[in-house]
Each structure stands twice: as C-alpha cells, then as structure tokens.
Protein backbone atom coordinates (compact mmCIF):
# COMPACT_ATOMS: atom_id res chain seq x y z
CA MET A 1 32.21 -14.18 17.08
CA CYS A 2 30.81 -17.19 18.93
CA CYS A 3 29.80 -17.56 22.56
CA PRO A 4 30.51 -21.15 23.68
CA ASN A 5 30.64 -20.29 27.40
CA LEU A 6 27.31 -18.50 27.62
CA PRO A 7 24.59 -20.02 29.80
CA ARG A 8 21.73 -21.78 28.02
CA SER A 9 19.48 -18.72 28.27
CA GLY A 10 22.15 -16.59 26.63
CA ARG A 11 22.61 -19.02 23.76
CA GLY A 12 18.84 -19.09 23.29
CA ALA A 13 18.67 -15.32 23.12
CA ILE A 14 21.40 -15.28 20.48
CA ALA A 15 19.52 -17.85 18.42
CA VAL A 16 16.40 -15.69 18.55
CA LEU A 17 18.54 -12.69 17.69
CA GLY A 18 19.13 -14.38 14.34
CA LEU A 19 15.39 -14.15 13.76
CA ALA A 20 15.47 -10.45 14.57
CA LEU A 21 17.93 -10.02 11.72
CA ALA A 22 15.23 -11.30 9.38
CA TRP A 23 13.18 -8.25 10.32
CA PHE A 24 16.09 -5.87 9.78
CA VAL A 25 16.78 -7.48 6.39
CA GLY A 26 13.12 -7.25 5.45
CA GLY A 27 11.61 -4.00 6.03
CA GLY A 28 10.80 -2.50 8.95
CA PRO A 29 11.30 1.84 10.01
CA CYS A 30 14.51 -0.14 10.14
CA ALA A 31 13.50 -2.20 7.73
CA PRO A 32 9.82 -2.00 8.28
CA PRO A 33 7.95 0.95 6.78
CA LEU A 34 9.45 4.15 8.17
CA PHE A 35 6.19 5.50 9.59
CA GLY A 36 4.49 2.69 10.60
CA GLN A 37 -0.96 -3.81 19.24
CA ALA A 38 0.00 -7.98 20.06
CA GLY A 39 -2.40 -10.66 18.88
CA THR A 40 -3.39 -12.56 15.77
CA ALA A 41 -5.18 -11.05 12.81
CA GLU A 42 -8.62 -12.54 12.29
CA LYS A 43 -9.88 -12.37 8.74
CA ALA A 44 -13.28 -10.85 8.04
CA ALA A 45 -15.35 -11.27 4.90
CA PRO A 46 -14.45 -8.78 2.14
CA GLU A 47 -16.81 -5.84 1.99
CA LYS A 48 -18.67 -4.84 -1.15
CA GLU A 49 -17.05 -1.44 -1.35
CA LEU A 50 -13.46 -1.15 -0.24
CA PRO A 51 -11.05 1.78 -0.61
CA THR A 52 -8.23 1.35 -3.10
CA ALA A 53 -4.77 0.45 -1.85
CA GLU A 54 -3.53 3.77 -3.22
CA SER A 55 -6.09 5.73 -1.17
CA ILE A 56 -5.22 3.75 1.98
CA PHE A 57 -1.53 4.63 1.60
CA ALA A 58 -2.48 8.27 0.92
CA ASP A 59 -4.63 8.38 4.09
CA PHE A 60 -1.75 6.87 6.04
CA VAL A 61 0.63 9.57 4.79
CA GLU A 62 -1.81 12.27 5.93
CA ALA A 63 -2.29 10.62 9.33
CA ALA A 64 1.48 10.38 9.85
CA GLY A 65 2.08 14.08 9.22
CA GLY A 66 1.23 14.82 5.62
CA ARG A 67 3.00 14.63 2.28
CA GLU A 68 4.75 17.99 2.64
CA ALA A 69 6.27 17.03 6.02
CA MET A 70 7.43 13.66 4.72
CA GLU A 71 8.94 15.11 1.57
CA ALA A 72 10.92 17.56 3.74
CA LEU A 73 12.35 14.67 5.76
CA ASN A 74 15.97 13.75 4.96
CA ASN A 75 16.93 11.45 7.83
CA VAL A 76 15.59 9.85 11.00
CA THR A 77 17.44 8.51 14.04
CA LEU A 78 15.67 6.41 16.68
CA LYS A 79 17.21 5.40 20.00
CA GLY A 80 15.80 3.02 22.56
CA GLU A 81 15.94 -0.52 23.92
CA PHE A 82 15.84 -3.91 22.21
CA SER A 83 14.73 -6.92 24.25
CA VAL A 84 14.63 -10.64 23.46
CA GLN A 85 14.14 -13.59 25.86
CA GLY A 86 15.06 -11.52 28.91
CA ALA A 87 18.17 -10.00 27.30
CA LYS A 88 18.06 -6.23 26.85
CA GLY A 89 20.32 -3.59 25.40
CA PRO A 90 20.44 -0.12 23.84
CA MET A 91 19.84 0.23 20.13
CA THR A 92 20.17 2.98 17.55
CA LEU A 93 18.45 2.96 14.17
CA SER A 94 19.38 5.48 11.48
CA ARG A 95 17.81 6.02 8.07
CA ALA A 96 18.56 8.59 5.37
CA ARG A 97 17.71 9.35 1.78
CA PRO A 98 17.63 7.72 -0.64
CA ASN A 99 18.19 4.18 0.72
CA LYS A 100 20.62 4.27 3.63
CA LEU A 101 20.02 2.29 6.80
CA ARG A 102 21.91 1.19 9.90
CA VAL A 103 20.84 -0.49 13.14
CA VAL A 104 23.18 -1.19 16.05
CA ILE A 105 22.13 -3.24 19.10
CA ASP A 106 24.43 -3.80 22.08
CA LEU A 107 23.50 -6.79 24.26
CA GLY A 108 26.60 -6.69 26.46
CA THR A 109 28.11 -10.15 26.99
CA LEU A 110 25.80 -11.61 24.32
CA GLY A 111 27.49 -9.45 21.70
CA LYS A 112 26.57 -6.71 19.27
CA VAL A 113 24.40 -6.58 16.16
CA ASP A 114 25.35 -4.13 13.42
CA GLN A 115 23.43 -4.26 10.16
CA GLY A 116 22.89 -1.79 7.37
CA THR A 117 23.45 -0.53 3.87
CA ASP A 118 24.74 2.58 2.13
CA GLY A 119 22.53 1.80 -0.85
CA GLU A 120 25.19 -0.25 -2.62
CA VAL A 121 26.94 -2.38 0.01
CA ALA A 122 24.94 -4.32 2.63
CA TRP A 123 26.42 -5.90 5.75
CA SER A 124 25.57 -7.83 8.87
CA VAL A 125 27.57 -8.34 12.08
CA ALA A 126 25.99 -10.62 14.68
CA PRO A 127 26.92 -13.15 17.37
CA MET A 128 27.41 -16.66 15.98
CA GLN A 129 26.89 -15.51 12.37
CA GLY A 130 29.94 -13.25 12.54
CA ALA A 131 30.71 -10.37 10.18
CA ARG A 132 29.71 -10.70 6.56
CA LEU A 133 28.81 -8.74 3.48
CA LEU A 134 25.31 -9.65 2.36
CA GLU A 135 24.82 -11.02 -1.12
CA GLY A 136 21.97 -12.30 -3.26
CA LYS A 137 18.44 -12.03 -1.93
CA GLU A 138 19.51 -10.90 1.55
CA LYS A 139 21.33 -7.92 0.04
CA ASP A 140 18.54 -7.10 -2.41
CA VAL A 141 15.83 -7.20 0.27
CA LEU A 142 17.79 -5.04 2.71
CA ILE A 143 18.57 -2.36 0.12
CA ARG A 144 14.98 -2.45 -1.09
CA SER A 145 13.62 -2.09 2.44
CA ALA A 146 15.95 0.85 3.10
CA TYR A 147 14.18 2.92 0.41
CA PHE A 148 13.26 6.08 2.32
CA ASP A 149 10.06 7.01 0.47
CA ASP A 150 8.25 3.67 0.37
CA ASP A 151 5.23 5.23 2.11
CA LEU A 152 5.11 8.24 -0.20
CA HIS A 153 5.70 6.21 -3.35
CA PRO A 154 4.59 2.62 -2.79
CA GLU A 155 4.22 2.22 -6.54
CA LYS A 156 8.02 2.34 -6.76
CA VAL A 157 8.33 -0.53 -4.26
CA PHE A 158 5.47 -2.83 -5.27
CA LYS A 159 4.42 -4.02 -8.71
CA ALA A 160 0.85 -4.55 -7.46
CA MET A 161 -1.25 -3.45 -4.47
CA LYS A 162 -4.79 -4.41 -3.54
CA CYS A 163 -7.09 -3.96 -0.55
CA VAL A 164 -8.46 -7.46 -0.02
CA GLY A 165 -10.85 -6.79 2.85
CA THR A 166 -11.10 -5.83 6.49
CA THR A 167 -9.40 -7.72 9.32
CA ASP A 168 -9.57 -7.60 13.09
CA VAL A 169 -6.09 -7.06 14.52
CA GLY A 170 -6.09 -7.16 18.32
CA GLY A 171 -9.59 -5.68 18.45
CA THR A 172 -8.89 -2.99 15.84
CA LYS A 173 -10.69 -3.00 12.50
CA CYS A 174 -8.03 -2.76 9.81
CA TYR A 175 -7.88 -2.63 6.04
CA GLU A 176 -5.69 -5.45 4.77
CA VAL A 177 -3.53 -4.45 1.82
CA GLU A 178 -1.79 -7.14 -0.22
CA CYS A 179 1.46 -5.75 -1.63
CA THR A 180 3.43 -7.71 -4.24
CA HIS A 181 7.13 -7.00 -4.76
CA PRO A 182 8.75 -7.20 -8.22
CA ASP A 183 10.22 -10.62 -7.34
CA GLY A 184 6.74 -11.97 -6.58
CA THR A 185 7.00 -12.02 -2.77
CA VAL A 186 3.89 -10.80 -0.98
CA GLU A 187 3.77 -8.49 2.00
CA ARG A 188 0.56 -7.72 3.87
CA ARG A 189 0.03 -4.43 5.63
CA TYR A 190 -2.83 -3.68 8.01
CA PHE A 191 -4.02 -0.08 8.45
CA ASP A 192 -6.38 1.11 11.19
CA ALA A 193 -9.68 1.87 9.42
CA THR A 194 -10.30 4.81 11.78
CA THR A 195 -6.91 6.44 12.44
CA HIS A 196 -5.39 5.25 9.12
CA LEU A 197 -2.09 4.44 10.89
CA LEU A 198 -0.16 1.25 10.19
CA VAL A 199 -0.90 -1.44 12.80
CA GLN A 200 0.81 -4.55 11.45
CA SER A 201 2.85 -6.00 8.60
CA GLN A 202 3.44 -9.63 7.63
CA ALA A 203 5.99 -11.01 5.19
CA LYS A 204 8.55 -13.74 4.58
CA ARG A 205 12.15 -12.59 5.03
CA PRO A 206 15.53 -14.13 4.25
CA SER A 207 17.64 -14.74 7.36
CA PRO A 208 20.72 -16.68 8.52
CA LEU A 209 18.23 -19.44 9.43
CA GLY A 210 16.63 -19.50 5.99
CA GLU A 211 13.40 -17.84 4.89
CA VAL A 212 11.13 -17.11 7.84
CA SER A 213 7.71 -15.56 8.27
CA VAL A 214 7.84 -12.31 10.27
CA THR A 215 4.98 -10.33 11.79
CA THR A 216 5.61 -6.79 13.07
CA ARG A 217 3.16 -4.83 15.20
CA PHE A 218 3.36 -1.03 15.41
CA SER A 219 2.02 1.03 18.32
CA ASP A 220 2.74 3.94 20.67
CA TYR A 221 2.69 6.54 17.89
CA ARG A 222 4.27 9.84 18.94
CA ASN A 223 5.22 13.09 17.28
CA ALA A 224 8.80 13.36 16.01
CA GLY A 225 9.14 16.84 14.60
CA LYS A 226 6.32 17.24 12.09
CA ILE A 227 5.70 13.53 11.60
CA LYS A 228 4.34 10.63 13.66
CA LEU A 229 6.36 7.48 14.31
CA PRO A 230 5.59 4.20 16.11
CA PHE A 231 7.77 4.16 19.22
CA ARG A 232 7.03 0.49 19.89
CA GLN A 233 7.47 -2.43 17.53
CA GLU A 234 6.88 -6.08 18.38
CA ILE A 235 8.42 -8.61 16.01
CA SER A 236 7.23 -12.24 16.04
CA SER A 237 8.70 -15.19 14.16
CA LEU A 238 8.76 -18.95 14.75
CA GLY A 239 6.97 -18.53 18.07
CA GLN A 240 9.56 -16.08 19.42
CA SER A 241 9.24 -12.33 19.88
CA GLN A 242 11.45 -9.29 20.15
CA VAL A 243 10.46 -5.80 21.28
CA LEU A 244 11.87 -2.48 20.13
CA GLN A 245 10.87 0.35 22.45
CA TYR A 246 12.15 3.73 21.34
CA SER A 247 12.57 6.62 23.74
CA GLU A 248 14.06 9.27 21.46
CA ALA A 249 13.58 10.29 17.83
CA THR A 250 15.36 13.03 15.89
CA THR A 251 14.77 14.15 12.32
CA ASN A 252 16.82 16.14 9.81
CA GLN A 253 19.88 16.25 12.08
CA GLU A 254 23.49 16.26 10.93
CA LEU A 255 24.58 12.64 11.10
CA ALA A 256 28.01 11.49 12.21
CA GLU A 257 30.51 10.97 9.41
CA GLY A 258 30.69 7.35 8.37
CA VAL A 259 27.40 6.30 9.97
CA PHE A 260 26.49 4.37 6.80
CA VAL A 261 29.96 2.99 6.07
CA SER A 262 30.18 -0.79 6.27
CA PRO A 263 32.43 -1.98 9.11
CA VAL A 264 32.82 -5.32 7.31
CA LYS A 265 34.06 -3.72 4.13
CA GLU A 266 36.51 -1.56 6.07
CA SER A 267 37.95 -4.47 8.05
CA LYS A 268 38.50 -6.49 4.88
CA GLU A 269 40.23 -3.59 3.17
CA GLU A 270 42.45 -3.01 6.22
CA GLU A 271 43.38 -6.71 6.26
CA GLN A 272 44.26 -6.62 2.57
CA GLY A 273 46.24 -3.41 3.09
CA GLY A 274 48.17 -4.96 5.97
CA GLN A 275 49.05 -8.03 3.90
CA ALA A 276 50.24 -5.78 1.07
CA GLU A 277 52.52 -3.88 3.45
CA LYS A 278 54.05 -7.10 4.78
CA SER A 279 54.80 -8.38 1.28
CA SER A 280 56.39 -5.09 0.17
C-alpha cells in the first residue's frame, strides 16, 4: 500500500515508521526484552570489581517480579498508543510462549503496521513496504527476539555476556552489559545499578532501509499481575524517535484464535486457492 496523496508530514511519518519496524524486528517486549529515561549514555571508566553479567540478569529478574512469577507467565498483551512525528494511533502488542509475537499499530489515513511471528513464519505489513513474508536475517532476528524467556535464560540467546563497566544514562548509574548473539552481532543493555531494572538497550537491526542502529529507553515501570513491565518505551534511530506509551497490560489471558497467524501467508494462500478454482 502506498500513499502518494499524503501531505509531506504524513510521508515523513511513514518513512520514520520504517525505522520503527527495525525495533520490532530486533528485540524489544515486542521485540525488546519482555521486562525491560531520554538522553545519551556517557561512558564511565570500568570499575575494579564489577558484578558478572549473569548476576545482573538474575538481579533484574528479581526486580521485575521474581523467577517463579516469570516462569508462571504464558502470555502478555499490552495496549496503548504509538506516536511518531506528530502521528498517533492505538497499538496492541501480544507475546506468548515459546516465541510468538505480534504488534499491530493503526495510524488511520497513514495506514496500518502489522508485524509478527508464530515461531516459524515471520511477516510484516506496513505502508510503502507493503505486505511481505520476512526471509533471511530479518526473519531470523524477529523469531530470535520473540523468544519469551530471554530474561530468564539469556544464555540461550547470547553466546557471550560481559559487564564492561558502569555508564551514566540520563543521570542514572547503570551497569553496561555487552551481549553477543550467535551470529556475532552485539547488543548492549544498561541496568540501573540501584533498582536493577533495564533502562536502555542498543543494537543494530535489519530494516526495510537496511541495517540501522536502534536505541530503546525503558521507563514508567508498573505492576502487571505479579510482574513489572515498562509502560513507556522511546525508540531512537537515525535522529528520529518513536514513543510507545502503554495504558493496559494483561497476563495469562485466553488469547483470540488466530492472533499469531500470518495475514500475509493467509492472503497468498487465498489467492492461490482462488486461481485454482478458476482453472478447474
């Protein structure tokens, strides 16, 4: 779907929306860490004695509700508002075990974003880029980022983890953890040294515009059942920013049938079925 008649501001918002897809493809709780205010991280000199990356993740799990509460979690649904360059619209993000994810954003006349995976098929529907099944690195990264227990079992996500020092993030002292994926890509996560909650993540993500560097800030932590979730996420890339402000979170609810079924896959199958009927 393209939007040739949109005003310049609308076309600009759609272009930035393409950058938002990089976040959804890369990890976030959409695609960032599930349990995960704006400013630039300022590096501090490494300290002589630093906690291990494993202990930092363990402290984070405890701060976000505890291992028992997280292990009892089967699905999470977040609803709220997505905003980019003055354009706003409702969004719904759903995640479920073991690696299912879907995010839907409705920006009215600008169009709709629908991206997700059922753990095997990955798709993306967006203005200008259209509807497509993801392949290659885009698919691999989205499915990987949809892994539900990445906070509980980071060793299953990363081949190496190391606390490399402390960093000031918007006035908050954070431990900086360097996380290396099996394909060699590096993601950096910043945990509040006092509360142990996740404050920021930085990584390079594949997108329709090529590989881009994405920074996500997590704040406004609130209780959602027995766990804590960040109700605000600010995503920055190429000098542009998007804000996800959630207003509602539900856990372990019965999800609608087909919530993780690819709309792209279905449309292609229907088209093939229709062509078969015409030829018969």
